[in-house]
Amino acid sequence: MGVVSILTHSFTDGYNREFGRVFGGGLERYILDLCSVIRGLGHIPEVHQLSYFEAFQTRTEQIDVFGYSYDMDNVPEAFDRMAAAARGPVIYASCLWQPITYKPGSLGICHGINWDRPGLPLETKQQVAEHIQLALDGLVRIVSVDSHFQTFCRAACTYTDPRQVVLIPNAVDTSYFTPAPPTRTFEQEQEDEWLAAWKTDLASHEEDAGAVISGMKAVESKGGPSGDGAYSGKANGDVTTDWATDIVISADAEYQVNGLTQEQVEQKTMDVRLTSPRPIRIIYPRRISMERGIIPMMLAADKLLGAFPDLEIEFAGELVEGSTVGRAFRYWHRTHPHAERINQRTYDFRDIREAYHQADIAVIPTVFSEGTSYACLEAMSCGLPVIASNVGGLNDLIQDGFNGILVPPGEQELTTALVRLVQDRAERERLGIYARETALSYDLARWRSRWSTVLESFLAETGLKEGIRG
């Protein structure tokens, strides 16, 4: 047994000074899963990361975490310090685009290309290619989460071993992220409430049981909860509630037979009136950040909320308080004319499934810097139709028109696609079915197996010769 050291720019929340909490991003989720694989092989994972504040040391999720303050203009120097303090073989889990001096015999991970902004200066992109060449020269192997980095290495760099860049796409626990169980329609719930009300009435007015039962038949004949007019689909705005008035009128007539006043009738029917069907909900399960497409999403939300009064939008991701984009989002939300239909919440990795189960459409509007998105895989595994931008590894996951919709990054095409799905329930359901089928091929068990193979080979080469240093 020995220590395996993971070096990264982020794991626990060094952005908001919550060092004891794992930050809710894809990179952090990846590292958490990788630590589990390392433990499964009988070794001890530790994480060394950057801190936007002071240096720190903590333990979370049974992992020792060491934070390093650093100069934002000199990230390689911080990685040098982390590598020097590492107690075991090193895995460089991020920042391969930086000019890092790699510890010999180390492994690297690329989580997607983040220099794919069209407006990024050509000189900067050429420098990144040089830095990736340093990674290829200095690391024994690089694991890529999508095919695009692998292609970039082949196109812009040189290396002799075609196995040096290993493609292991991100994964999802398809046994946990499952489609929402069928929900009872409003009509079924209403039927139970009516039956409960009738049973209560029967207990107190046993002599009038015949009149109550005849009232039930009258309701059914009008297409109520158990009549021919019952709605068997998902309550999402496609059903009207005109027959609710007929129910109340029928009940009124029967209760008048029982000698009750109008006020008493209204009291008895108050708890069984139909509520409005659930609004359609769009979920943006991403960090509130520029690269994740928060600006086009906000612009699209402005148009959609104005056009569809029964629409809700949830921003289900981390927000760095005090950042420029964080302050802008907070102001936008606070002053929005439809603020009551906008929700922002940060979910734990283990709780986000409930957000997917409450949603009808998922949006992954990345502008740049994307691998095989965890959020996209989770939404697909939950059977949601996904609208994603055609950036990075999202192209590996979505086949446009088959298991989701791909659009160029930006607000206009995103809004058009959202309007299309909001108005077409059948299309939502069809895309969701094939999304779930696609997600099954990215199951977490396969990811663990492939990573175990890579780690076993890597650790055998290093031999964990240094063991655990105090």
Protein backbone atom coordinates (compact mmCIF):
# COMPACT_ATOMS: atom_id res chain seq x y z
CA MET A 1 0.00 0.00 0.00
CA GLY A 2 1.27 3.47 -0.85
CA VAL A 3 0.22 7.04 -1.50
CA VAL A 4 -0.82 8.33 -4.94
CA SER A 5 -0.62 12.12 -5.27
CA ILE A 6 -3.04 14.07 -7.46
CA LEU A 7 -2.05 17.62 -8.44
CA THR A 8 -4.78 19.98 -9.63
CA HIS A 9 -5.89 23.59 -9.63
CA SER A 10 -9.20 22.78 -7.89
CA PHE A 11 -10.76 20.13 -5.68
CA THR A 12 -12.18 21.52 -2.44
CA ASP A 13 -13.72 24.97 -2.68
CA GLY A 14 -10.72 27.27 -2.84
CA TYR A 15 -12.87 29.85 -4.66
CA ASN A 16 -15.22 30.65 -1.77
CA ARG A 17 -12.83 29.72 1.07
CA GLU A 18 -14.91 26.65 1.97
CA PHE A 19 -11.90 24.35 2.12
CA GLY A 20 -13.75 21.46 3.72
CA ARG A 21 -16.26 21.11 0.86
CA VAL A 22 -15.62 19.55 -2.53
CA PHE A 23 -16.42 22.17 -5.19
CA GLY A 24 -19.36 21.18 -7.37
CA GLY A 25 -17.65 21.08 -10.78
CA GLY A 26 -16.82 18.37 -13.27
CA LEU A 27 -13.08 18.37 -12.53
CA GLU A 28 -13.73 17.96 -8.83
CA ARG A 29 -16.20 15.14 -9.41
CA TYR A 30 -13.64 13.43 -11.62
CA ILE A 31 -10.96 13.60 -8.95
CA LEU A 32 -13.36 12.27 -6.33
CA ASP A 33 -14.16 9.26 -8.52
CA LEU A 34 -10.48 8.74 -9.34
CA CYS A 35 -9.64 8.69 -5.62
CA SER A 36 -12.22 5.93 -5.23
CA VAL A 37 -10.50 3.87 -7.92
CA ILE A 38 -7.12 4.41 -6.25
CA ARG A 39 -8.51 3.21 -2.92
CA GLY A 40 -10.04 0.22 -4.69
CA LEU A 41 -6.55 -0.80 -5.79
CA GLY A 42 -5.38 -0.71 -2.19
CA HIS A 43 -3.61 2.67 -2.23
CA ILE A 44 -4.15 6.00 -0.48
CA PRO A 45 -5.06 9.07 -2.56
CA GLU A 46 -4.04 12.59 -1.59
CA VAL A 47 -4.81 15.84 -3.40
CA HIS A 48 -2.62 18.93 -3.77
CA GLN A 49 -4.44 21.96 -5.14
CA LEU A 50 -4.24 25.70 -5.64
CA SER A 51 -5.97 28.09 -3.26
CA TYR A 52 -7.19 31.57 -4.14
CA PHE A 53 -6.65 32.46 -0.49
CA GLU A 54 -4.20 31.19 2.12
CA ALA A 55 -2.51 27.80 2.16
CA PHE A 56 -4.53 25.14 3.96
CA GLN A 57 -4.67 21.50 4.92
CA THR A 58 -7.91 19.59 5.41
CA ARG A 59 -9.45 16.16 5.12
CA THR A 60 -12.69 15.54 3.29
CA GLU A 61 -14.30 12.45 1.77
CA GLN A 62 -11.50 10.45 3.48
CA ILE A 63 -8.91 12.32 1.40
CA ASP A 64 -6.06 14.47 2.68
CA VAL A 65 -6.10 17.77 0.79
CA PHE A 66 -3.29 20.34 0.74
CA GLY A 67 -3.92 23.85 -0.59
CA TYR A 68 -1.21 26.17 -1.89
CA SER A 69 -1.40 29.92 -2.26
CA TYR A 70 0.07 31.03 -5.57
CA ASP A 71 0.78 33.79 -8.03
CA MET A 72 -1.83 33.66 -10.79
CA ASP A 73 0.85 34.73 -13.27
CA ASN A 74 3.09 31.82 -12.28
CA VAL A 75 1.02 28.65 -12.01
CA PRO A 76 3.95 26.35 -12.97
CA GLU A 77 5.84 27.44 -9.84
CA ALA A 78 2.93 26.33 -7.65
CA PHE A 79 2.86 22.95 -9.39
CA ASP A 80 6.60 22.62 -8.73
CA ARG A 81 5.93 23.08 -5.00
CA MET A 82 3.05 20.61 -5.07
CA ALA A 83 5.17 17.99 -6.85
CA ALA A 84 7.99 18.46 -4.33
CA ALA A 85 5.59 17.90 -1.43
CA ALA A 86 3.84 14.89 -3.02
CA ARG A 87 4.24 11.70 -1.00
CA GLY A 88 3.80 9.29 -3.88
CA PRO A 89 3.68 8.87 -7.66
CA VAL A 90 2.20 12.00 -9.24
CA ILE A 91 -0.85 12.45 -11.43
CA TYR A 92 -1.09 15.93 -12.98
CA ALA A 93 -4.88 16.23 -13.12
CA SER A 94 -5.17 19.66 -14.76
CA CYS A 95 -3.33 22.63 -16.30
CA LEU A 96 -1.43 20.69 -18.96
CA TRP A 97 -1.66 23.81 -21.11
CA GLN A 98 0.73 25.53 -18.70
CA PRO A 99 4.55 25.31 -19.17
CA ILE A 100 4.98 22.90 -16.25
CA THR A 101 8.23 21.10 -15.48
CA TYR A 102 6.91 17.58 -14.90
CA LYS A 103 8.23 15.20 -12.31
CA PRO A 104 9.72 12.25 -14.25
CA GLY A 105 7.58 9.15 -14.49
CA SER A 106 4.28 10.97 -13.89
CA LEU A 107 0.82 10.60 -15.41
CA GLY A 108 -1.34 13.42 -16.82
CA ILE A 109 -5.03 14.06 -17.45
CA CYS A 110 -6.61 16.47 -19.94
CA HIS A 111 -10.24 17.35 -19.21
CA GLY A 112 -10.86 19.02 -22.55
CA ILE A 113 -9.47 21.79 -24.69
CA ASN A 114 -9.86 25.19 -23.05
CA TRP A 115 -8.01 27.19 -25.69
CA ASP A 116 -10.77 26.70 -28.29
CA ARG A 117 -12.15 30.23 -28.14
CA PRO A 118 -12.28 31.49 -31.75
CA GLY A 119 -11.11 34.95 -30.68
CA LEU A 120 -8.08 33.75 -28.73
CA PRO A 121 -4.92 35.23 -30.33
CA LEU A 122 -3.08 32.90 -32.67
CA GLU A 123 0.13 33.47 -30.75
CA THR A 124 -1.51 32.20 -27.56
CA LYS A 125 -2.79 29.09 -29.32
CA GLN A 126 0.67 28.40 -30.69
CA GLN A 127 2.12 28.73 -27.19
CA VAL A 128 -0.43 26.25 -25.88
CA ALA A 129 0.64 23.74 -28.53
CA GLU A 130 4.22 24.14 -27.31
CA HIS A 131 3.12 23.56 -23.72
CA ILE A 132 1.18 20.43 -24.70
CA GLN A 133 4.33 19.22 -26.40
CA LEU A 134 6.12 19.65 -23.05
CA ALA A 135 3.44 17.44 -21.47
CA LEU A 136 3.88 14.77 -24.13
CA ASP A 137 7.64 14.87 -23.65
CA GLY A 138 7.50 14.88 -19.84
CA LEU A 139 4.66 12.47 -18.97
CA VAL A 140 4.62 8.71 -19.44
CA ARG A 141 0.96 8.81 -20.42
CA ILE A 142 -1.92 11.29 -20.76
CA VAL A 143 -5.54 10.30 -20.24
CA SER A 144 -7.95 12.37 -22.35
CA VAL A 145 -11.66 12.63 -21.53
CA ASP A 146 -12.64 13.32 -25.14
CA SER A 147 -11.47 12.62 -28.66
CA HIS A 148 -10.70 16.26 -29.41
CA PHE A 149 -7.57 16.53 -27.28
CA GLN A 150 -6.33 13.28 -28.76
CA THR A 151 -6.82 14.69 -32.25
CA PHE A 152 -5.16 17.96 -31.24
CA CYS A 153 -2.05 16.11 -30.05
CA ARG A 154 -1.85 14.19 -33.31
CA ALA A 155 -2.35 17.32 -35.39
CA ALA A 156 -0.26 19.92 -33.54
CA CYS A 157 2.40 17.90 -31.68
CA THR A 158 4.76 14.98 -32.23
CA TYR A 159 5.20 11.78 -30.25
CA THR A 160 6.23 8.28 -31.19
CA ASP A 161 4.00 6.01 -29.06
CA PRO A 162 0.38 6.06 -30.29
CA ARG A 163 -0.67 4.65 -26.89
CA GLN A 164 0.68 7.64 -25.01
CA VAL A 165 -2.66 9.49 -25.21
CA VAL A 166 -5.37 7.22 -23.84
CA LEU A 167 -9.03 8.06 -24.47
CA ILE A 168 -11.24 7.39 -21.42
CA PRO A 169 -14.46 9.42 -21.74
CA ASN A 170 -16.17 10.68 -18.62
CA ALA A 171 -18.88 8.46 -17.21
CA VAL A 172 -22.14 8.42 -15.30
CA ASP A 173 -23.61 6.04 -12.75
CA THR A 174 -26.56 4.89 -14.82
CA SER A 175 -27.93 2.86 -11.91
CA TYR A 176 -28.29 6.05 -9.87
CA PHE A 177 -29.03 8.65 -12.53
CA THR A 178 -32.18 7.01 -13.81
CA PRO A 179 -35.27 8.51 -15.42
CA ALA A 180 -37.77 9.88 -12.93
CA PRO A 181 -40.31 7.27 -11.85
CA PRO A 182 -43.77 7.74 -13.39
CA THR A 183 -45.57 10.39 -11.40
CA ARG A 184 -49.24 10.18 -10.56
CA THR A 185 -51.23 12.63 -12.60
CA PHE A 186 -53.25 15.35 -10.93
CA GLU A 187 -56.40 13.42 -11.82
CA GLN A 188 -55.25 10.29 -9.98
CA GLU A 189 -54.27 12.26 -6.91
CA GLN A 190 -57.62 14.04 -7.06
CA GLU A 191 -59.44 10.73 -7.25
CA ASP A 192 -57.78 9.58 -4.01
CA GLU A 193 -58.75 12.84 -2.33
CA TRP A 194 -62.34 12.47 -3.45
CA LEU A 195 -62.49 8.89 -2.21
CA ALA A 196 -61.06 9.94 1.16
CA ALA A 197 -63.64 12.73 1.41
CA TRP A 198 -66.45 10.36 0.56
CA LYS A 199 -65.29 7.82 3.14
CA THR A 200 -65.31 10.52 5.79
CA ASP A 201 -68.77 11.61 4.73
CA LEU A 202 -70.00 8.02 4.72
CA ALA A 203 -68.80 7.57 8.30
CA SER A 204 -70.70 10.63 9.52
CA HIS A 205 -73.78 10.31 7.28
CA GLU A 206 -74.12 6.58 6.85
CA GLU A 207 -77.80 6.88 6.08
CA ASP A 208 -77.03 9.02 3.02
CA ALA A 209 -74.47 6.65 1.48
CA GLY A 210 -76.60 6.08 -1.56
CA ALA A 211 -76.68 9.79 -2.38
CA VAL A 212 -72.92 10.11 -2.05
CA ILE A 213 -72.27 7.13 -4.33
CA SER A 214 -74.63 8.54 -6.93
CA GLY A 215 -72.57 11.75 -6.76
CA MET A 216 -69.45 9.79 -7.55
CA LYS A 217 -71.09 8.29 -10.64
CA ALA A 218 -72.18 11.71 -11.77
CA VAL A 219 -68.60 12.96 -11.58
CA GLU A 220 -67.29 9.99 -13.56
CA SER A 221 -69.83 10.49 -16.32
CA LYS A 222 -68.50 13.99 -16.88
CA GLY A 223 -64.97 12.78 -17.73
CA GLY A 224 -63.51 13.41 -14.30
CA PRO A 225 -60.76 11.54 -12.51
CA SER A 226 -61.92 8.04 -13.38
CA GLY A 227 -64.10 8.75 -16.41
CA ASP A 228 -63.30 8.64 -20.13
CA GLY A 229 -61.93 12.17 -19.96
CA ALA A 230 -59.11 11.21 -17.57
CA TYR A 231 -55.73 12.46 -18.72
CA SER A 232 -53.10 9.71 -18.66
CA GLY A 233 -50.05 11.71 -19.70
CA LYS A 234 -47.57 13.87 -17.81
CA ALA A 235 -49.17 16.95 -16.27
CA ASN A 236 -47.21 19.67 -18.04
CA GLY A 237 -49.72 22.15 -19.33
CA ASP A 238 -51.33 19.95 -21.99
CA VAL A 239 -54.48 19.27 -19.92
CA THR A 240 -57.38 21.59 -19.19
CA THR A 241 -59.33 21.67 -15.93
CA ASP A 242 -62.79 22.62 -17.21
CA TRP A 243 -64.31 19.51 -15.67
CA ALA A 244 -63.20 20.67 -12.20
CA THR A 245 -66.15 23.08 -12.12
CA ASP A 246 -68.51 20.25 -13.01
CA ILE A 247 -67.16 18.23 -10.09
CA VAL A 248 -67.88 21.04 -7.69
CA ILE A 249 -71.39 21.54 -9.13
CA SER A 250 -72.16 17.82 -8.89
CA ALA A 251 -70.89 17.69 -5.34
CA ASP A 252 -72.96 20.77 -4.51
CA ALA A 253 -76.12 19.09 -5.77
CA GLU A 254 -75.52 15.91 -3.79
CA TYR A 255 -74.64 17.73 -0.59
CA GLN A 256 -77.80 19.82 -0.93
CA VAL A 257 -79.67 16.53 -0.91
CA ASN A 258 -77.93 15.79 2.38
CA GLY A 259 -79.21 19.09 3.71
CA LEU A 260 -75.88 20.97 3.82
CA THR A 261 -75.56 24.69 3.19
CA GLN A 262 -73.60 26.23 0.32
CA GLU A 263 -70.86 27.30 2.77
CA GLN A 264 -70.51 23.71 4.00
CA VAL A 265 -70.38 22.46 0.42
CA GLU A 266 -67.55 24.87 -0.38
CA GLN A 267 -65.65 23.77 2.72
CA LYS A 268 -65.95 20.10 1.75
CA THR A 269 -64.77 20.72 -1.79
CA MET A 270 -61.96 23.17 -0.94
CA ASP A 271 -59.28 20.49 -0.46
CA VAL A 272 -60.15 18.58 -3.61
CA ARG A 273 -60.13 21.36 -6.18
CA LEU A 274 -57.65 20.83 -8.96
CA THR A 275 -54.40 22.73 -8.81
CA SER A 276 -52.73 24.11 -11.93
CA PRO A 277 -50.65 21.56 -13.86
CA ARG A 278 -46.89 21.69 -13.27
CA PRO A 279 -45.04 24.21 -15.44
CA ILE A 280 -42.43 23.04 -17.90
CA ARG A 281 -39.01 23.32 -16.26
CA ILE A 282 -35.69 23.93 -17.98
CA ILE A 283 -32.53 23.08 -16.06
CA TYR A 284 -29.10 24.62 -16.59
CA PRO A 285 -26.95 22.21 -14.51
CA ARG A 286 -23.69 24.12 -14.83
CA ARG A 287 -21.41 26.46 -12.97
CA ILE A 288 -22.39 30.11 -13.28
CA SER A 289 -19.39 31.01 -15.44
CA MET A 290 -18.57 32.51 -18.82
CA GLU A 291 -17.18 29.38 -20.43
CA ARG A 292 -20.23 27.35 -19.39
CA GLY A 293 -22.48 29.66 -21.41
CA ILE A 294 -24.22 31.58 -18.65
CA ILE A 295 -24.60 34.75 -20.79
CA PRO A 296 -26.40 33.10 -23.75
CA MET A 297 -28.48 31.15 -21.24
CA MET A 298 -29.57 34.33 -19.46
CA LEU A 299 -30.41 36.00 -22.77
CA ALA A 300 -32.43 32.97 -23.87
CA ALA A 301 -34.19 32.93 -20.50
CA ASP A 302 -35.28 36.54 -20.98
CA LYS A 303 -37.13 35.64 -24.18
CA LEU A 304 -38.53 32.31 -23.01
CA LEU A 305 -39.90 33.55 -19.70
CA GLY A 306 -41.62 36.42 -21.46
CA ALA A 307 -43.15 34.15 -24.11
CA PHE A 308 -44.22 31.21 -21.93
CA PRO A 309 -45.96 32.17 -18.66
CA ASP A 310 -45.96 28.54 -17.45
CA LEU A 311 -42.20 28.08 -17.85
CA GLU A 312 -39.62 27.83 -15.05
CA ILE A 313 -35.83 27.85 -15.31
CA GLU A 314 -33.46 26.45 -12.71
CA PHE A 315 -29.77 27.34 -12.61
CA ALA A 316 -28.45 24.30 -10.75
CA GLY A 317 -24.76 25.00 -10.29
CA GLU A 318 -21.99 26.59 -8.31
CA LEU A 319 -21.59 30.34 -8.18
CA VAL A 320 -18.41 32.07 -7.06
CA GLU A 321 -19.66 34.88 -4.83
CA GLY A 322 -17.99 38.22 -5.50
CA SER A 323 -16.83 37.32 -8.99
CA THR A 324 -17.85 39.59 -11.87
CA VAL A 325 -20.10 37.00 -13.45
CA GLY A 326 -21.49 36.02 -10.05
CA ARG A 327 -22.47 39.60 -9.21
CA ALA A 328 -23.96 40.09 -12.68
CA PHE A 329 -26.09 36.96 -12.31
CA ARG A 330 -27.30 37.94 -8.86
CA TYR A 331 -28.32 41.41 -10.12
CA TRP A 332 -30.04 39.94 -13.19
CA HIS A 333 -32.00 37.49 -11.05
CA ARG A 334 -32.91 40.03 -8.39
CA THR A 335 -34.23 42.62 -10.87
CA HIS A 336 -35.80 40.24 -13.40
CA PRO A 337 -39.52 40.83 -14.10
CA HIS A 338 -40.05 37.05 -13.89
CA ALA A 339 -37.75 36.43 -10.92
CA GLU A 340 -40.31 34.20 -9.25
CA ARG A 341 -39.88 31.67 -12.07
CA ILE A 342 -36.09 31.65 -11.87
CA ASN A 343 -34.33 29.50 -9.30
CA GLN A 344 -30.63 29.19 -8.50
CA ARG A 345 -29.40 26.45 -6.22
CA THR A 346 -26.12 24.67 -5.62
CA TYR A 347 -26.54 20.91 -5.37
CA ASP A 348 -24.29 18.31 -3.87
CA PHE A 349 -23.14 15.65 -6.33
CA ARG A 350 -25.48 13.21 -4.60
CA ASP A 351 -28.53 15.47 -4.69
CA ILE A 352 -28.48 16.76 -8.26
CA ARG A 353 -30.53 13.79 -9.48
CA GLU A 354 -33.62 15.28 -7.87
CA ALA A 355 -33.16 18.44 -9.93
CA TYR A 356 -33.07 16.38 -13.13
CA HIS A 357 -36.20 14.52 -12.06
CA GLN A 358 -38.06 17.82 -11.72
CA ALA A 359 -36.94 19.05 -15.16
CA ASP A 360 -38.27 18.59 -18.68
CA ILE A 361 -35.32 19.92 -20.70
CA ALA A 362 -31.59 20.20 -19.91
CA VAL A 363 -29.36 22.86 -21.44
CA ILE A 364 -25.56 22.61 -21.81
CA PRO A 365 -24.75 25.88 -23.66
CA THR A 366 -20.94 25.79 -23.32
CA VAL A 367 -19.08 28.57 -25.14
CA PHE A 368 -15.60 27.06 -24.84
CA SER A 369 -13.57 24.61 -22.71
CA GLU A 370 -15.64 21.43 -22.59
CA GLY A 371 -14.84 17.74 -22.29
CA THR A 372 -17.39 14.96 -22.08
CA SER A 373 -19.62 16.91 -19.72
CA TYR A 374 -20.78 15.21 -16.54
CA ALA A 375 -23.89 17.35 -16.53
CA CYS A 376 -24.73 16.30 -20.06
CA LEU A 377 -24.23 12.61 -19.25
CA GLU A 378 -26.29 12.85 -16.06
CA ALA A 379 -29.17 14.58 -17.82
CA MET A 380 -29.09 12.01 -20.62
CA SER A 381 -28.98 9.14 -18.15
CA CYS A 382 -32.06 10.60 -16.46
CA GLY A 383 -33.86 10.50 -19.80
CA LEU A 384 -33.96 14.24 -20.38
CA PRO A 385 -33.74 15.79 -23.85
CA VAL A 386 -30.53 17.82 -23.97
CA ILE A 387 -29.78 20.95 -25.97
CA ALA A 388 -26.01 21.38 -26.12
CA SER A 389 -23.60 23.58 -28.01
CA ASN A 390 -21.33 21.84 -30.50
CA VAL A 391 -18.22 22.48 -28.41
CA GLY A 392 -15.52 19.99 -27.39
CA GLY A 393 -16.59 16.60 -26.09
CA LEU A 394 -20.30 17.43 -26.35
CA ASN A 395 -19.94 16.40 -29.99
CA ASP A 396 -18.86 12.96 -28.75
CA LEU A 397 -22.08 12.59 -26.74
CA ILE A 398 -24.85 14.18 -28.81
CA GLN A 399 -25.93 13.14 -32.28
CA ASP A 400 -28.03 16.07 -33.44
CA GLY A 401 -31.69 15.17 -33.80
CA PHE A 402 -31.21 11.61 -32.52
CA ASN A 403 -30.46 11.80 -28.79
CA GLY A 404 -30.41 15.57 -28.35
CA ILE A 405 -29.97 18.84 -30.19
CA LEU A 406 -26.63 20.46 -31.04
CA VAL A 407 -26.41 24.19 -31.73
CA PRO A 408 -23.53 26.61 -32.33
CA PRO A 409 -22.53 28.46 -29.15
CA GLY A 410 -24.62 31.60 -28.76
CA GLU A 411 -28.04 32.85 -27.80
CA GLN A 412 -30.02 32.87 -31.06
CA GLU A 413 -29.77 29.18 -32.00
CA LEU A 414 -30.10 28.18 -28.36
CA THR A 415 -33.36 30.10 -27.99
CA THR A 416 -34.76 28.63 -31.21
CA ALA A 417 -34.00 25.07 -30.05
CA LEU A 418 -35.53 25.70 -26.63
CA VAL A 419 -38.73 27.08 -28.12
CA ARG A 420 -38.93 24.02 -30.35
CA LEU A 421 -38.75 21.59 -27.41
CA VAL A 422 -40.97 23.62 -25.11
CA GLN A 423 -43.71 23.41 -27.74
CA ASP A 424 -43.17 19.78 -28.75
CA ARG A 425 -43.69 17.31 -25.95
CA ALA A 426 -43.48 14.27 -28.27
CA GLU A 427 -40.06 15.39 -29.46
CA ARG A 428 -38.91 15.85 -25.86
CA GLU A 429 -39.93 12.32 -25.00
CA ARG A 430 -38.35 10.80 -28.13
CA LEU A 431 -35.00 12.52 -27.60
CA GLY A 432 -35.05 11.57 -23.93
CA ILE A 433 -35.50 7.88 -24.70
CA TYR A 434 -32.47 7.78 -27.00
CA ALA A 435 -30.48 9.97 -24.60
CA ARG A 436 -30.91 7.34 -21.89
CA GLU A 437 -29.86 4.58 -24.30
CA THR A 438 -26.72 6.52 -25.21
CA ALA A 439 -25.80 7.14 -21.57
CA LEU A 440 -25.77 3.41 -20.87
CA SER A 441 -22.61 3.08 -22.99
CA TYR A 442 -20.88 5.61 -20.71
CA ASP A 443 -21.59 3.74 -17.49
CA LEU A 444 -19.31 4.42 -14.52
CA ALA A 445 -18.38 0.74 -14.13
CA ARG A 446 -16.66 0.78 -17.52
CA TRP A 447 -14.81 3.97 -16.62
CA ARG A 448 -13.56 2.45 -13.36
CA SER A 449 -12.39 -0.66 -15.15
CA ARG A 450 -10.43 1.28 -17.77
CA TRP A 451 -8.86 3.58 -15.18
CA SER A 452 -7.91 0.58 -13.03
CA THR A 453 -6.00 -0.85 -15.97
CA VAL A 454 -4.16 2.41 -16.58
CA LEU A 455 -3.32 2.85 -12.89
CA GLU A 456 -2.14 -0.72 -12.40
CA SER A 457 0.30 -0.31 -15.28
CA PHE A 458 1.41 3.15 -14.12
CA LEU A 459 1.92 2.14 -10.49
CA ALA A 460 3.75 -1.04 -11.49
CA GLU A 461 6.21 1.09 -13.45
CA THR A 462 6.76 3.43 -10.51
CA GLY A 463 6.75 0.56 -8.04
CA LEU A 464 5.60 2.97 -5.33
CA LYS A 465 9.27 2.80 -4.35
CA GLU A 466 9.11 5.87 -2.16
CA GLY A 467 6.23 4.52 -0.06
CA ILE A 468 4.69 6.86 2.47
CA ARG A 469 6.82 9.73 3.65
CA GLY A 470 6.02 11.41 6.95
